[in-house]
Amino acid sequence: MDNVSVDATKEQLIADFKTVVADAEALLEATADQGGHELTALRAKAEASLKTAKARIVSEQAALFASTKEAVKATDVYVHENPWTAVGVAAAIGLLVGLLSGRR
């Protein structure tokens, strides 16, 4: 897998994980008034796990943002160093997209 697809996969995984965390928090909040020692202990364990998961999400988001920023900077440097190559590649991609969309 190349870096772009790995970053996209990570981004989707982070988004999915955020949804799971939000759902788990809602479930914990909904069952907060239900008692029992076992349920209270389980709720505390789940809250600790959610706190750890949130910290990892923030960390992964920061890493993903940094790698994306690095890729953008590298692309910018490349385009400034090789402007005609970049124009040629952009024209080729535009031609290819035009040909593919014209067939439909």
PDB file of N, CA and C in Angstrom:
ATOM      1  N   MET A   1       0.838  -1.190   0.000  1.00  0.00           N
ATOM      2  CA  MET A   1       0.000   0.000   0.000  1.00  0.00           C
ATOM      3  C   MET A   1       0.876   1.244   0.000  1.00  0.00           C
ATOM      4  N   ASP A   2       0.453   2.251  -0.719  1.00  0.00           N
ATOM      5  CA  ASP A   2       1.222   3.484  -0.704  1.00  0.00           C
ATOM      6  C   ASP A   2       0.781   4.367   0.455  1.00  0.00           C
ATOM      7  N   ASN A   3       1.545   5.425   0.683  1.00  0.00           N
ATOM      8  CA  ASN A   3       1.287   6.310   1.825  1.00  0.00           C
ATOM      9  C   ASN A   3      -0.093   6.949   1.792  1.00  0.00           C
ATOM     10  N   VAL A   4      -0.550   7.302   0.593  1.00  0.00           N
ATOM     11  CA  VAL A   4      -1.842   7.981   0.485  1.00  0.00           C
ATOM     12  C   VAL A   4      -2.970   7.053   0.929  1.00  0.00           C
ATOM     13  N   SER A   5      -2.940   5.796   0.462  1.00  0.00           N
ATOM     14  CA  SER A   5      -4.015   4.877   0.847  1.00  0.00           C
ATOM     15  C   SER A   5      -3.910   4.490   2.320  1.00  0.00           C
ATOM     16  N   VAL A   6      -2.688   4.410   2.845  1.00  0.00           N
ATOM     17  CA  VAL A   6      -2.513   4.124   4.271  1.00  0.00           C
ATOM     18  C   VAL A   6      -3.075   5.270   5.093  1.00  0.00           C
ATOM     19  N   ASP A   7      -2.779   6.506   4.699  1.00  0.00           N
ATOM     20  CA  ASP A   7      -3.306   7.671   5.417  1.00  0.00           C
ATOM     21  C   ASP A   7      -4.826   7.716   5.338  1.00  0.00           C
ATOM     22  N   ALA A   8      -5.385   7.397   4.173  1.00  0.00           N
ATOM     23  CA  ALA A   8      -6.844   7.393   4.027  1.00  0.00           C
ATOM     24  C   ALA A   8      -7.464   6.311   4.899  1.00  0.00           C
ATOM     25  N   THR A   9      -6.809   5.165   4.961  1.00  0.00           N
ATOM     26  CA  THR A   9      -7.300   4.078   5.807  1.00  0.00           C
ATOM     27  C   THR A   9      -7.241   4.469   7.270  1.00  0.00           C
ATOM     28  N   LYS A  10      -6.133   5.093   7.671  1.00  0.00           N
ATOM     29  CA  LYS A  10      -6.008   5.553   9.055  1.00  0.00           C
ATOM     30  C   LYS A  10      -7.086   6.578   9.380  1.00  0.00           C
ATOM     31  N   GLU A  11      -7.309   7.492   8.442  1.00  0.00           N
ATOM     32  CA  GLU A  11      -8.317   8.532   8.656  1.00  0.00           C
ATOM     33  C   GLU A  11      -9.708   7.912   8.834  1.00  0.00           C
ATOM     34  N   GLN A  12     -10.040   6.922   8.005  1.00  0.00           N
ATOM     35  CA  GLN A  12     -11.332   6.251   8.123  1.00  0.00           C
ATOM     36  C   GLN A  12     -11.422   5.474   9.423  1.00  0.00           C
ATOM     37  N   LEU A  13     -10.326   4.824   9.810  1.00  0.00           N
ATOM     38  CA  LEU A  13     -10.296   4.071  11.056  1.00  0.00           C
ATOM     39  C   LEU A  13     -10.499   5.001  12.251  1.00  0.00           C
ATOM     40  N   ILE A  14      -9.862   6.159  12.230  1.00  0.00           N
ATOM     41  CA  ILE A  14     -10.019   7.132  13.310  1.00  0.00           C
ATOM     42  C   ILE A  14     -11.470   7.606  13.384  1.00  0.00           C
ATOM     43  N   ALA A  15     -12.059   7.883  12.227  1.00  0.00           N
ATOM     44  CA  ALA A  15     -13.458   8.330  12.208  1.00  0.00           C
ATOM     45  C   ALA A  15     -14.386   7.240  12.753  1.00  0.00           C
ATOM     46  N   ASP A  16     -14.158   6.000  12.341  1.00  0.00           N
ATOM     47  CA  ASP A  16     -14.976   4.893  12.834  1.00  0.00           C
ATOM     48  C   ASP A  16     -14.785   4.703  14.337  1.00  0.00           C
ATOM     49  N   PHE A  17     -13.549   4.818  14.789  1.00  0.00           N
ATOM     50  CA  PHE A  17     -13.260   4.630  16.208  1.00  0.00           C
ATOM     51  C   PHE A  17     -13.910   5.736  17.037  1.00  0.00           C
ATOM     52  N   LYS A  18     -13.926   6.955  16.513  1.00  0.00           N
ATOM     53  CA  LYS A  18     -14.594   8.056  17.217  1.00  0.00           C
ATOM     54  C   LYS A  18     -16.088   7.760  17.378  1.00  0.00           C
ATOM     55  N   THR A  19     -16.688   7.180  16.353  1.00  0.00           N
ATOM     56  CA  THR A  19     -18.099   6.831  16.417  1.00  0.00           C
ATOM     57  C   THR A  19     -18.343   5.779  17.494  1.00  0.00           C
ATOM     58  N   VAL A  20     -17.474   4.780  17.549  1.00  0.00           N
ATOM     59  CA  VAL A  20     -17.602   3.732  18.561  1.00  0.00           C
ATOM     60  C   VAL A  20     -17.453   4.325  19.958  1.00  0.00           C
ATOM     61  N   VAL A  21     -16.470   5.203  20.134  1.00  0.00           N
ATOM     62  CA  VAL A  21     -16.253   5.834  21.439  1.00  0.00           C
ATOM     63  C   VAL A  21     -17.474   6.664  21.837  1.00  0.00           C
ATOM     64  N   ALA A  22     -18.014   7.420  20.899  1.00  0.00           N
ATOM     65  CA  ALA A  22     -19.197   8.244  21.200  1.00  0.00           C
ATOM     66  C   ALA A  22     -20.389   7.356  21.577  1.00  0.00           C
ATOM     67  N   ASP A  23     -20.571   6.252  20.859  1.00  0.00           N
ATOM     68  CA  ASP A  23     -21.662   5.334  21.179  1.00  0.00           C
ATOM     69  C   ASP A  23     -21.473   4.695  22.552  1.00  0.00           C
ATOM     70  N   ALA A  24     -20.234   4.324  22.868  1.00  0.00           N
ATOM     71  CA  ALA A  24     -19.952   3.721  24.175  1.00  0.00           C
ATOM     72  C   ALA A  24     -20.194   4.727  25.298  1.00  0.00           C
ATOM     73  N   GLU A  25     -19.798   5.979  25.066  1.00  0.00           N
ATOM     74  CA  GLU A  25     -20.053   7.015  26.076  1.00  0.00           C
ATOM     75  C   GLU A  25     -21.548   7.213  26.279  1.00  0.00           C
ATOM     76  N   ALA A  26     -22.296   7.206  25.200  1.00  0.00           N
ATOM     77  CA  ALA A  26     -23.750   7.358  25.310  1.00  0.00           C
ATOM     78  C   ALA A  26     -24.360   6.188  26.079  1.00  0.00           C
ATOM     79  N   LEU A  27     -23.864   4.990  25.822  1.00  0.00           N
ATOM     80  CA  LEU A  27     -24.351   3.819  26.540  1.00  0.00           C
ATOM     81  C   LEU A  27     -24.030   3.917  28.025  1.00  0.00           C
ATOM     82  N   LEU A  28     -22.814   4.334  28.352  1.00  0.00           N
ATOM     83  CA  LEU A  28     -22.444   4.485  29.760  1.00  0.00           C
ATOM     84  C   LEU A  28     -23.305   5.537  30.446  1.00  0.00           C
ATOM     85  N   GLU A  29     -23.565   6.623  29.724  1.00  0.00           N
ATOM     86  CA  GLU A  29     -24.391   7.695  30.296  1.00  0.00           C
ATOM     87  C   GLU A  29     -25.832   7.221  30.502  1.00  0.00           C
ATOM     88  N   ALA A  30     -26.324   6.432  29.569  1.00  0.00           N
ATOM     89  CA  ALA A  30     -27.704   5.948  29.665  1.00  0.00           C
ATOM     90  C   ALA A  30     -27.886   4.956  30.811  1.00  0.00           C
ATOM     91  N   THR A  31     -26.828   4.231  31.155  1.00  0.00           N
ATOM     92  CA  THR A  31     -26.936   3.232  32.223  1.00  0.00           C
ATOM     93  C   THR A  31     -26.357   3.729  33.544  1.00  0.00           C
ATOM     94  N   ALA A  32     -26.080   5.010  33.654  1.00  0.00           N
ATOM     95  CA  ALA A  32     -25.447   5.558  34.852  1.00  0.00           C
ATOM     96  C   ALA A  32     -26.300   5.380  36.102  1.00  0.00           C
ATOM     97  N   ASP A  33     -27.619   5.425  35.960  1.00  0.00           N
ATOM     98  CA  ASP A  33     -28.477   5.328  37.142  1.00  0.00           C
ATOM     99  C   ASP A  33     -28.800   3.886  37.529  1.00  0.00           C
ATOM    100  N   GLN A  34     -28.403   2.941  36.698  1.00  0.00           N
ATOM    101  CA  GLN A  34     -28.626   1.532  37.030  1.00  0.00           C
ATOM    102  C   GLN A  34     -27.479   1.053  37.910  1.00  0.00           C
ATOM    103  N   GLY A  35     -27.812   0.341  38.937  1.00  0.00           N
ATOM    104  CA  GLY A  35     -26.833   0.032  39.967  1.00  0.00           C
ATOM    105  C   GLY A  35     -26.318  -1.386  39.961  1.00  0.00           C
ATOM    106  N   GLY A  36     -25.726  -1.693  41.079  1.00  0.00           N
ATOM    107  CA  GLY A  36     -25.107  -2.986  41.255  1.00  0.00           C
ATOM    108  C   GLY A  36     -23.598  -2.819  41.259  1.00  0.00           C
ATOM    109  N   HIS A  37     -22.972  -3.510  42.180  1.00  0.00           N
ATOM    110  CA  HIS A  37     -21.515  -3.385  42.330  1.00  0.00           C
ATOM    111  C   HIS A  37     -20.785  -3.820  41.063  1.00  0.00           C
ATOM    112  N   GLU A  38     -21.230  -4.918  40.456  1.00  0.00           N
ATOM    113  CA  GLU A  38     -20.578  -5.432  39.258  1.00  0.00           C
ATOM    114  C   GLU A  38     -20.709  -4.457  38.092  1.00  0.00           C
ATOM    115  N   LEU A  39     -21.896  -3.880  37.944  1.00  0.00           N
ATOM    116  CA  LEU A  39     -22.121  -2.928  36.866  1.00  0.00           C
ATOM    117  C   LEU A  39     -21.311  -1.657  37.086  1.00  0.00           C
ATOM    118  N   THR A  40     -21.193  -1.209  38.319  1.00  0.00           N
ATOM    119  CA  THR A  40     -20.400  -0.023  38.632  1.00  0.00           C
ATOM    120  C   THR A  40     -18.930  -0.266  38.310  1.00  0.00           C
ATOM    121  N   ALA A  41     -18.420  -1.431  38.665  1.00  0.00           N
ATOM    122  CA  ALA A  41     -17.022  -1.768  38.375  1.00  0.00           C
ATOM    123  C   ALA A  41     -16.795  -1.870  36.870  1.00  0.00           C
ATOM    124  N   LEU A  42     -17.727  -2.461  36.171  1.00  0.00           N
ATOM    125  CA  LEU A  42     -17.620  -2.590  34.720  1.00  0.00           C
ATOM    126  C   LEU A  42     -17.668  -1.213  34.049  1.00  0.00           C
ATOM    127  N   ARG A  43     -18.538  -0.354  34.543  1.00  0.00           N
ATOM    128  CA  ARG A  43     -18.643   1.001  34.000  1.00  0.00           C
ATOM    129  C   ARG A  43     -17.343   1.769  34.210  1.00  0.00           C
ATOM    130  N   ALA A  44     -16.728   1.631  35.374  1.00  0.00           N
ATOM    131  CA  ALA A  44     -15.458   2.306  35.655  1.00  0.00           C
ATOM    132  C   ALA A  44     -14.358   1.802  34.728  1.00  0.00           C
ATOM    133  N   LYS A  45     -14.339   0.494  34.500  1.00  0.00           N
ATOM    134  CA  LYS A  45     -13.340  -0.085  33.597  1.00  0.00           C
ATOM    135  C   LYS A  45     -13.552   0.417  32.167  1.00  0.00           C
ATOM    136  N   ALA A  46     -14.816   0.479  31.738  1.00  0.00           N
ATOM    137  CA  ALA A  46     -15.127   0.968  30.391  1.00  0.00           C
ATOM    138  C   ALA A  46     -14.751   2.435  30.237  1.00  0.00           C
ATOM    139  N   GLU A  47     -15.005   3.232  31.260  1.00  0.00           N
ATOM    140  CA  GLU A  47     -14.643   4.653  31.209  1.00  0.00           C
ATOM    141  C   GLU A  47     -13.128   4.822  31.105  1.00  0.00           C
ATOM    142  N   ALA A  48     -12.378   3.999  31.829  1.00  0.00           N
ATOM    143  CA  ALA A  48     -10.909   4.061  31.747  1.00  0.00           C
ATOM    144  C   ALA A  48     -10.435   3.660  30.352  1.00  0.00           C
ATOM    145  N   SER A  49     -11.054   2.638  29.796  1.00  0.00           N
ATOM    146  CA  SER A  49     -10.689   2.201  28.438  1.00  0.00           C
ATOM    147  C   SER A  49     -11.013   3.288  27.414  1.00  0.00           C
ATOM    148  N   LEU A  50     -12.157   3.940  27.587  1.00  0.00           N
ATOM    149  CA  LEU A  50     -12.529   5.019  26.671  1.00  0.00           C
ATOM    150  C   LEU A  50     -11.559   6.193  26.774  1.00  0.00           C
ATOM    151  N   LYS A  51     -11.122   6.497  27.982  1.00  0.00           N
ATOM    152  CA  LYS A  51     -10.168   7.588  28.167  1.00  0.00           C
ATOM    153  C   LYS A  51      -8.862   7.272  27.441  1.00  0.00           C
ATOM    154  N   THR A  52      -8.403   6.030  27.557  1.00  0.00           N
ATOM    155  CA  THR A  52      -7.187   5.606  26.863  1.00  0.00           C
ATOM    156  C   THR A  52      -7.386   5.652  25.355  1.00  0.00           C
ATOM    157  N   ALA A  53      -8.536   5.195  24.893  1.00  0.00           N
ATOM    158  CA  ALA A  53      -8.824   5.201  23.457  1.00  0.00           C
ATOM    159  C   ALA A  53      -8.853   6.620  22.902  1.00  0.00           C
ATOM    160  N   LYS A  54      -9.457   7.537  23.655  1.00  0.00           N
ATOM    161  CA  LYS A  54      -9.498   8.936  23.207  1.00  0.00           C
ATOM    162  C   LYS A  54      -8.096   9.515  23.087  1.00  0.00           C
ATOM    163  N   ALA A  55      -7.232   9.180  24.043  1.00  0.00           N
ATOM    164  CA  ALA A  55      -5.852   9.667  23.993  1.00  0.00           C
ATOM    165  C   ALA A  55      -5.137   9.123  22.756  1.00  0.00           C
ATOM    166  N   ARG A  56      -5.376   7.861  22.426  1.00  0.00           N
ATOM    167  CA  ARG A  56      -4.752   7.276  21.233  1.00  0.00           C
ATOM    168  C   ARG A  56      -5.300   7.917  19.967  1.00  0.00           C
ATOM    169  N   ILE A  57      -6.589   8.224  19.950  1.00  0.00           N
ATOM    170  CA  ILE A  57      -7.174   8.880  18.776  1.00  0.00           C
ATOM    171  C   ILE A  57      -6.502  10.224  18.547  1.00  0.00           C
ATOM    172  N   VAL A  58      -6.352  10.993  19.603  1.00  0.00           N
ATOM    173  CA  VAL A  58      -5.718  12.303  19.484  1.00  0.00           C
ATOM    174  C   VAL A  58      -4.290  12.146  18.972  1.00  0.00           C
ATOM    175  N   SER A  59      -3.576  11.162  19.495  1.00  0.00           N
ATOM    176  CA  SER A  59      -2.203  10.911  19.075  1.00  0.00           C
ATOM    177  C   SER A  59      -2.128  10.512  17.599  1.00  0.00           C
ATOM    178  N   GLU A  60      -3.000   9.612  17.186  1.00  0.00           N
ATOM    179  CA  GLU A  60      -3.009   9.166  15.783  1.00  0.00           C
ATOM    180  C   GLU A  60      -3.419  10.295  14.846  1.00  0.00           C
ATOM    181  N   GLN A  61      -4.365  11.132  15.276  1.00  0.00           N
ATOM    182  CA  GLN A  61      -4.765  12.261  14.458  1.00  0.00           C
ATOM    183  C   GLN A  61      -3.602  13.223  14.267  1.00  0.00           C
ATOM    184  N   ALA A  62      -2.861  13.467  15.330  1.00  0.00           N
ATOM    185  CA  ALA A  62      -1.711  14.358  15.238  1.00  0.00           C
ATOM    186  C   ALA A  62      -0.661  13.787  14.293  1.00  0.00           C
ATOM    187  N   ALA A  63      -0.418  12.479  14.376  1.00  0.00           N
ATOM    188  CA  ALA A  63       0.550  11.840  13.490  1.00  0.00           C
ATOM    189  C   ALA A  63       0.076  11.884  12.041  1.00  0.00           C
ATOM    190  N   LEU A  64      -1.202  11.637  11.827  1.00  0.00           N
ATOM    191  CA  LEU A  64      -1.758  11.691  10.482  1.00  0.00           C
ATOM    192  C   LEU A  64      -1.675  13.099   9.916  1.00  0.00           C
ATOM    193  N   PHE A  65      -1.995  14.084  10.728  1.00  0.00           N
ATOM    194  CA  PHE A  65      -1.911  15.478  10.298  1.00  0.00           C
ATOM    195  C   PHE A  65      -0.474  15.838   9.942  1.00  0.00           C
ATOM    196  N   ALA A  66       0.478  15.394  10.756  1.00  0.00           N
ATOM    197  CA  ALA A  66       1.887  15.696  10.498  1.00  0.00           C
ATOM    198  C   ALA A  66       2.357  15.052   9.201  1.00  0.00           C
ATOM    199  N   SER A  67       1.973  13.796   8.957  1.00  0.00           N
ATOM    200  CA  SER A  67       2.410  13.142   7.724  1.00  0.00           C
ATOM    201  C   SER A  67       1.750  13.770   6.498  1.00  0.00           C
ATOM    202  N   THR A  68       0.500  14.181   6.633  1.00  0.00           N
ATOM    203  CA  THR A  68      -0.181  14.857   5.529  1.00  0.00           C
ATOM    204  C   THR A  68       0.482  16.195   5.238  1.00  0.00           C
ATOM    205  N   LYS A  69       0.803  16.922   6.294  1.00  0.00           N
ATOM    206  CA  LYS A  69       1.468  18.211   6.133  1.00  0.00           C
ATOM    207  C   LYS A  69       2.831  18.026   5.473  1.00  0.00           C
ATOM    208  N   GLU A  70       3.537  16.966   5.849  1.00  0.00           N
ATOM    209  CA  GLU A  70       4.842  16.670   5.262  1.00  0.00           C
ATOM    210  C   GLU A  70       4.707  16.345   3.772  1.00  0.00           C
ATOM    211  N   ALA A  71       3.684  15.579   3.415  1.00  0.00           N
ATOM    212  CA  ALA A  71       3.454  15.231   2.009  1.00  0.00           C
ATOM    213  C   ALA A  71       3.116  16.468   1.182  1.00  0.00           C
ATOM    214  N   VAL A  72       2.321  17.350   1.737  1.00  0.00           N
ATOM    215  CA  VAL A  72       1.969  18.588   1.041  1.00  0.00           C
ATOM    216  C   VAL A  72       3.220  19.444   0.827  1.00  0.00           C
ATOM    217  N   LYS A  73       4.046  19.527   1.847  1.00  0.00           N
ATOM    218  CA  LYS A  73       5.272  20.321   1.740  1.00  0.00           C
ATOM    219  C   LYS A  73       6.211  19.723   0.686  1.00  0.00           C
ATOM    220  N   ALA A  74       6.343  18.392   0.675  1.00  0.00           N
ATOM    221  CA  ALA A  74       7.204  17.731  -0.304  1.00  0.00           C
ATOM    222  C   ALA A  74       6.685  17.962  -1.722  1.00  0.00           C
ATOM    223  N   THR A  75       5.372  17.905  -1.884  1.00  0.00           N
ATOM    224  CA  THR A  75       4.772  18.161  -3.193  1.00  0.00           C
ATOM    225  C   THR A  75       5.022  19.601  -3.621  1.00  0.00           C
ATOM    226  N   ASP A  76       4.879  20.528  -2.699  1.00  0.00           N
ATOM    227  CA  ASP A  76       5.118  21.934  -3.002  1.00  0.00           C
ATOM    228  C   ASP A  76       6.565  22.162  -3.438  1.00  0.00           C
ATOM    229  N   VAL A  77       7.492  21.569  -2.715  1.00  0.00           N
ATOM    230  CA  VAL A  77       8.911  21.707  -3.064  1.00  0.00           C
ATOM    231  C   VAL A  77       9.165  21.112  -4.443  1.00  0.00           C
ATOM    232  N   TYR A  78       8.614  19.933  -4.716  1.00  0.00           N
ATOM    233  CA  TYR A  78       8.812  19.283  -6.013  1.00  0.00           C
ATOM    234  C   TYR A  78       8.269  20.142  -7.145  1.00  0.00           C
ATOM    235  N   VAL A  79       7.082  20.681  -6.965  1.00  0.00           N
ATOM    236  CA  VAL A  79       6.468  21.505  -8.015  1.00  0.00           C
ATOM    237  C   VAL A  79       7.292  22.768  -8.257  1.00  0.00           C
ATOM    238  N   HIS A  80       7.826  23.357  -7.200  1.00  0.00           N
ATOM    239  CA  HIS A  80       8.646  24.550  -7.383  1.00  0.00           C
ATOM    240  C   HIS A  80       9.980  24.231  -8.052  1.00  0.00           C
ATOM    241  N   GLU A  81      10.519  23.051  -7.786  1.00  0.00           N
ATOM    242  CA  GLU A  81      11.781  22.657  -8.404  1.00  0.00           C
ATOM    243  C   GLU A  81      11.590  22.139  -9.827  1.00  0.00           C
ATOM    244  N   ASN A  82      10.449  21.590 -10.135  1.00  0.00           N
ATOM    245  CA  ASN A  82      10.167  21.001 -11.455  1.00  0.00           C
ATOM    246  C   ASN A  82       8.823  21.481 -11.985  1.00  0.00           C
ATOM    247  N   PRO A  83       8.693  22.763 -12.280  1.00  0.00           N
ATOM    248  CA  PRO A  83       7.367  23.272 -12.666  1.00  0.00           C
ATOM    249  C   PRO A  83       6.841  22.675 -13.972  1.00  0.00           C
ATOM    250  N   TRP A  84       7.705  22.484 -14.964  1.00  0.00           N
ATOM    251  CA  TRP A  84       7.213  21.970 -16.241  1.00  0.00           C
ATOM    252  C   TRP A  84       6.843  20.500 -16.148  1.00  0.00           C
ATOM    253  N   THR A  85       7.538  19.759 -15.334  1.00  0.00           N
ATOM    254  CA  THR A  85       7.166  18.361 -15.120  1.00  0.00           C
ATOM    255  C   THR A  85       5.789  18.293 -14.457  1.00  0.00           C
ATOM    256  N   ALA A  86       5.587  19.159 -13.466  1.00  0.00           N
ATOM    257  CA  ALA A  86       4.297  19.189 -12.772  1.00  0.00           C
ATOM    258  C   ALA A  86       3.173  19.580 -13.722  1.00  0.00           C
ATOM    259  N   VAL A  87       3.435  20.540 -14.604  1.00  0.00           N
ATOM    260  CA  VAL A  87       2.424  20.956 -15.578  1.00  0.00           C
ATOM    261  C   VAL A  87       2.119  19.802 -16.531  1.00  0.00           C
ATOM    262  N   GLY A  88       3.166  19.090 -16.969  1.00  0.00           N
ATOM    263  CA  GLY A  88       2.967  17.946 -17.867  1.00  0.00           C
ATOM    264  C   GLY A  88       2.158  16.837 -17.216  1.00  0.00           C
ATOM    265  N   VAL A  89       2.475  16.532 -15.965  1.00  0.00           N
ATOM    266  CA  VAL A  89       1.729  15.494 -15.246  1.00  0.00           C
ATOM    267  C   VAL A  89       0.275  15.917 -15.063  1.00  0.00           C
ATOM    268  N   ALA A  90       0.050  17.164 -14.689  1.00  0.00           N
ATOM    269  CA  ALA A  90      -1.317  17.656 -14.507  1.00  0.00           C
ATOM    270  C   ALA A  90      -2.086  17.607 -15.824  1.00  0.00           C
ATOM    271  N   ALA A  91      -1.424  17.975 -16.929  1.00  0.00           N
ATOM    272  CA  ALA A  91      -2.084  17.931 -18.237  1.00  0.00           C
ATOM    273  C   ALA A  91      -2.418  16.495 -18.625  1.00  0.00           C
ATOM    274  N   ALA A  92      -1.497  15.567 -18.364  1.00  0.00           N
ATOM    275  CA  ALA A  92      -1.744  14.161 -18.690  1.00  0.00           C
ATOM    276  C   ALA A  92      -2.914  13.614 -17.878  1.00  0.00           C
ATOM    277  N   ILE A  93      -2.951  13.945 -16.607  1.00  0.00           N
ATOM    278  CA  ILE A  93      -4.060  13.488 -15.768  1.00  0.00           C
ATOM    279  C   ILE A  93      -5.372  14.099 -16.248  1.00  0.00           C
ATOM    280  N   GLY A  94      -5.349  15.382 -16.581  1.00  0.00           N
ATOM    281  CA  GLY A  94      -6.549  16.040 -17.104  1.00  0.00           C
ATOM    282  C   GLY A  94      -7.028  15.409 -18.395  1.00  0.00           C
ATOM    283  N   LEU A  95      -6.078  15.083 -19.281  1.00  0.00           N
ATOM    284  CA  LEU A  95      -6.428  14.430 -20.541  1.00  0.00           C
ATOM    285  C   LEU A  95      -7.039  13.059 -20.284  1.00  0.00           C
ATOM    286  N   LEU A  96      -6.426  12.301 -19.387  1.00  0.00           N
ATOM    287  CA  LEU A  96      -6.929  10.969 -19.056  1.00  0.00           C
ATOM    288  C   LEU A  96      -8.338  11.041 -18.465  1.00  0.00           C
ATOM    289  N   VAL A  97      -8.551  11.959 -17.533  1.00  0.00           N
ATOM    290  CA  VAL A  97      -9.883  12.123 -16.929  1.00  0.00           C
ATOM    291  C   VAL A  97     -10.889  12.549 -17.994  1.00  0.00           C
ATOM    292  N   GLY A  98     -10.471  13.441 -18.876  1.00  0.00           N
ATOM    293  CA  GLY A  98     -11.364  13.887 -19.951  1.00  0.00           C
ATOM    294  C   GLY A  98     -11.739  12.759 -20.891  1.00  0.00           C
ATOM    295  N   LEU A  99     -10.772  11.931 -21.241  1.00  0.00           N
ATOM    296  CA  LEU A  99     -11.052  10.800 -22.113  1.00  0.00           C
ATOM    297  C   LEU A  99     -11.977   9.786 -21.444  1.00  0.00           C
ATOM    298  N   LEU A 100     -11.708   9.502 -20.176  1.00  0.00           N
ATOM    299  CA  LEU A 100     -12.543   8.533 -19.464  1.00  0.00           C
ATOM    300  C   LEU A 100     -13.963   9.056 -19.261  1.00  0.00           C
ATOM    301  N   SER A 101     -14.104  10.333 -18.959  1.00  0.00           N
ATOM    302  CA  SER A 101     -15.460  10.871 -18.758  1.00  0.00           C
ATOM    303  C   SER A 101     -16.189  11.070 -20.055  1.00  0.00           C
ATOM    304  N   GLY A 102     -15.455  11.255 -21.167  1.00  0.00           N
ATOM    305  CA  GLY A 102     -16.072  11.409 -22.478  1.00  0.00           C
ATOM    306  C   GLY A 102     -16.643  10.116 -23.008  1.00  0.00           C
ATOM    307  N   ARG A 103     -16.144   9.001 -22.532  1.00  0.00           N
ATOM    308  CA  ARG A 103     -16.621   7.694 -22.977  1.00  0.00           C
ATOM    309  C   ARG A 103     -17.987   7.368 -22.403  1.00  0.00           C
ATOM    310  N   ARG A 104     -18.358   7.969 -21.341  1.00  0.00           N
ATOM    311  CA  ARG A 104     -19.629   7.625 -20.675  1.00  0.00           C
ATOM    312  C   ARG A 104     -20.736   8.362 -21.262  1.00  0.00           C
TER     313      ARG A 104
END
